[in-house]
């Protein structure tokens, strides 16, 4: 039973740590190159 409690506690600490990193990690940056671009041309309208 002690091992189950330790496993649950470890999972809780892991989840709490992941949430903290997610919240404090900063904002996402938009890539400056690559990605999708709008196609142009008479046959695409």
Protein backbone atom coordinates (compact mmCIF):
# COMPACT_ATOMS: atom_id res chain seq x y z
CA UNK A 1 0.00 0.00 0.00
CA UNK A 2 2.89 2.35 0.72
CA UNK A 3 4.18 1.91 -2.84
CA UNK A 4 0.79 2.85 -4.30
CA UNK A 5 0.71 6.03 -2.21
CA UNK A 6 4.21 6.95 -3.32
CA UNK A 7 3.29 6.36 -6.96
CA UNK A 8 0.19 8.55 -6.67
CA UNK A 9 2.21 11.26 -4.92
CA UNK A 10 4.88 11.13 -7.63
CA UNK A 11 2.24 11.47 -10.36
CA UNK A 12 0.69 14.44 -8.55
CA UNK A 13 4.07 16.16 -8.26
CA UNK A 14 4.73 15.48 -11.93
CA UNK A 15 1.42 16.98 -12.98
CA UNK A 16 1.94 20.01 -10.73
CA UNK A 17 5.41 20.52 -12.19
CA UNK A 18 4.11 20.28 -15.74
CA UNK A 19 1.40 22.83 -15.00
CA UNK A 20 3.94 25.20 -13.46
CA UNK A 21 6.23 24.90 -16.48
CA UNK A 22 3.30 25.46 -18.81
CA UNK A 23 2.16 28.59 -16.99
CA UNK A 24 5.60 30.12 -16.37
CA UNK A 25 7.16 28.93 -19.63
CA UNK A 26 6.33 32.13 -21.50
CA UNK A 27 4.44 32.91 -24.65
CA UNK A 28 4.67 31.06 -27.91
CA UNK A 29 6.41 32.82 -30.76
CA UNK A 30 5.11 32.89 -34.30
CA UNK A 31 7.56 31.44 -36.82
CA UNK A 32 9.03 34.09 -39.09
CA UNK A 33 9.74 31.74 -42.00
CA UNK A 34 8.11 28.71 -43.54
CA UNK A 35 4.63 27.53 -42.79
CA UNK A 36 1.57 28.07 -44.92
CA UNK A 37 1.23 30.80 -47.47
CA UNK A 38 -1.76 31.91 -49.46
CA UNK A 39 -1.70 30.74 -53.06
CA UNK A 40 -2.39 33.25 -55.79
CA UNK A 41 -3.38 32.93 -59.40
CA UNK A 42 -6.35 33.11 -61.73
CA UNK A 43 -7.06 29.37 -61.59
CA UNK A 44 -7.30 29.38 -57.76
CA UNK A 45 -10.23 31.77 -57.46
